[in-house]
């Protein structure tokens, strides 16, 4: 569980650093830029799917 929490901290920092998430302390809200966030998440999704596909291929005996 610690790894998941650390990954979420990293993801939160990256989102804030890229300007994809903005915290408004007066209102206590977090605002996300949907267009930029969608591009970031689609890239992350492609990375995860590629990684999972390579693991499945390797498990079945293929060389990756």
C-alpha atoms as a PDB file:
ATOM      1  CA  UNK A   1       0.000   0.000   0.000  1.00  0.00           C
ATOM      2  CA  UNK A   2       2.928   2.328   0.577  1.00  0.00           C
ATOM      3  CA  UNK A   3       3.908   2.069  -3.100  1.00  0.00           C
ATOM      4  CA  UNK A   4       0.422   3.111  -4.191  1.00  0.00           C
ATOM      5  CA  UNK A   5       0.446   6.090  -1.854  1.00  0.00           C
ATOM      6  CA  UNK A   6       3.900   7.174  -3.054  1.00  0.00           C
ATOM      7  CA  UNK A   7       2.764   6.868  -6.689  1.00  0.00           C
ATOM      8  CA  UNK A   8      -0.274   9.033  -5.927  1.00  0.00           C
ATOM      9  CA  UNK A   9       1.961  11.656  -4.293  1.00  0.00           C
ATOM     10  CA  UNK A  10       4.150  11.660  -7.400  1.00  0.00           C
ATOM     11  CA  UNK A  11       1.128  11.897  -9.704  1.00  0.00           C
ATOM     12  CA  UNK A  12      -0.316  14.778  -7.681  1.00  0.00           C
ATOM     13  CA  UNK A  13       2.978  16.630  -7.804  1.00  0.00           C
ATOM     14  CA  UNK A  14       3.276  16.107 -11.546  1.00  0.00           C
ATOM     15  CA  UNK A  15      -0.261  17.336 -12.156  1.00  0.00           C
ATOM     16  CA  UNK A  16       0.347  20.449 -10.091  1.00  0.00           C
ATOM     17  CA  UNK A  17       3.762  21.048 -11.624  1.00  0.00           C
ATOM     18  CA  UNK A  18       2.377  20.910 -15.156  1.00  0.00           C
ATOM     19  CA  UNK A  19      -0.437  23.297 -14.315  1.00  0.00           C
ATOM     20  CA  UNK A  20      -3.050  20.592 -14.859  1.00  0.00           C
ATOM     21  CA  UNK A  21      -4.415  20.917 -11.336  1.00  0.00           C
ATOM     22  CA  UNK A  22      -4.834  24.245  -9.527  1.00  0.00           C
ATOM     23  CA  UNK A  23      -5.740  24.514  -5.842  1.00  0.00           C
ATOM     24  CA  UNK A  24      -7.741  27.538  -4.693  1.00  0.00           C
ATOM     25  CA  UNK A  25      -7.103  27.910  -0.937  1.00  0.00           C
ATOM     26  CA  UNK A  26      -9.886  30.459  -0.412  1.00  0.00           C
ATOM     27  CA  UNK A  27     -12.586  28.231  -1.897  1.00  0.00           C
ATOM     28  CA  UNK A  28     -10.892  24.988  -0.876  1.00  0.00           C
ATOM     29  CA  UNK A  29     -11.311  23.491  -4.352  1.00  0.00           C
ATOM     30  CA  UNK A  30      -9.053  21.800  -6.883  1.00  0.00           C
ATOM     31  CA  UNK A  31      -9.622  22.654 -10.544  1.00  0.00           C
ATOM     32  CA  UNK A  32      -8.461  20.363 -13.370  1.00  0.00           C
ATOM     33  CA  UNK A  33      -7.878  21.424 -16.972  1.00  0.00           C
ATOM     34  CA  UNK A  34      -9.870  18.760 -18.791  1.00  0.00           C
ATOM     35  CA  UNK A  35      -8.211  18.990 -22.233  1.00  0.00           C
ATOM     36  CA  UNK A  36      -4.651  18.791 -20.944  1.00  0.00           C
ATOM     37  CA  UNK A  37      -5.577  16.206 -18.342  1.00  0.00           C
ATOM     38  CA  UNK A  38      -7.204  14.009 -21.004  1.00  0.00           C
ATOM     39  CA  UNK A  39      -4.026  14.102 -23.099  1.00  0.00           C
ATOM     40  CA  UNK A  40      -1.897  13.237 -20.087  1.00  0.00           C
ATOM     41  CA  UNK A  41      -4.155  10.357 -19.028  1.00  0.00           C
ATOM     42  CA  UNK A  42      -4.327   8.940 -22.552  1.00  0.00           C
ATOM     43  CA  UNK A  43      -0.527   8.923 -22.724  1.00  0.00           C
ATOM     44  CA  UNK A  44      -0.335   7.259 -19.321  1.00  0.00           C
ATOM     45  CA  UNK A  45      -2.942   4.709 -20.402  1.00  0.00           C
ATOM     46  CA  UNK A  46      -0.958   3.860 -23.540  1.00  0.00           C
ATOM     47  CA  UNK A  47       2.169   3.368 -21.432  1.00  0.00           C
ATOM     48  CA  UNK A  48       0.390   1.079 -18.963  1.00  0.00           C
ATOM     49  CA  UNK A  49      -1.248  -0.993 -21.732  1.00  0.00           C
ATOM     50  CA  UNK A  50       2.079  -1.381 -23.534  1.00  0.00           C
ATOM     51  CA  UNK A  51       3.746  -2.506 -20.319  1.00  0.00           C
ATOM     52  CA  UNK A  52       0.970  -4.995 -19.514  1.00  0.00           C
ATOM     53  CA  UNK A  53       1.030  -6.378 -23.056  1.00  0.00           C
ATOM     54  CA  UNK A  54       4.788  -6.942 -22.876  1.00  0.00           C
ATOM     55  CA  UNK A  55       4.408  -8.741 -19.526  1.00  0.00           C
ATOM     56  CA  UNK A  56       1.707 -11.026 -20.960  1.00  0.00           C
ATOM     57  CA  UNK A  57       3.800 -11.772 -24.055  1.00  0.00           C
ATOM     58  CA  UNK A  58       6.856 -12.515 -21.930  1.00  0.00           C
ATOM     59  CA  UNK A  59       4.845 -14.816 -19.657  1.00  0.00           C
ATOM     60  CA  UNK A  60       3.650 -16.767 -22.710  1.00  0.00           C
ATOM     61  CA  UNK A  61       7.213 -17.307 -23.853  1.00  0.00           C
ATOM     62  CA  UNK A  62       7.699 -14.433 -26.255  1.00  0.00           C
ATOM     63  CA  UNK A  63      10.754 -12.234 -26.175  1.00  0.00           C
ATOM     64  CA  UNK A  64      10.108  -8.559 -25.726  1.00  0.00           C
END
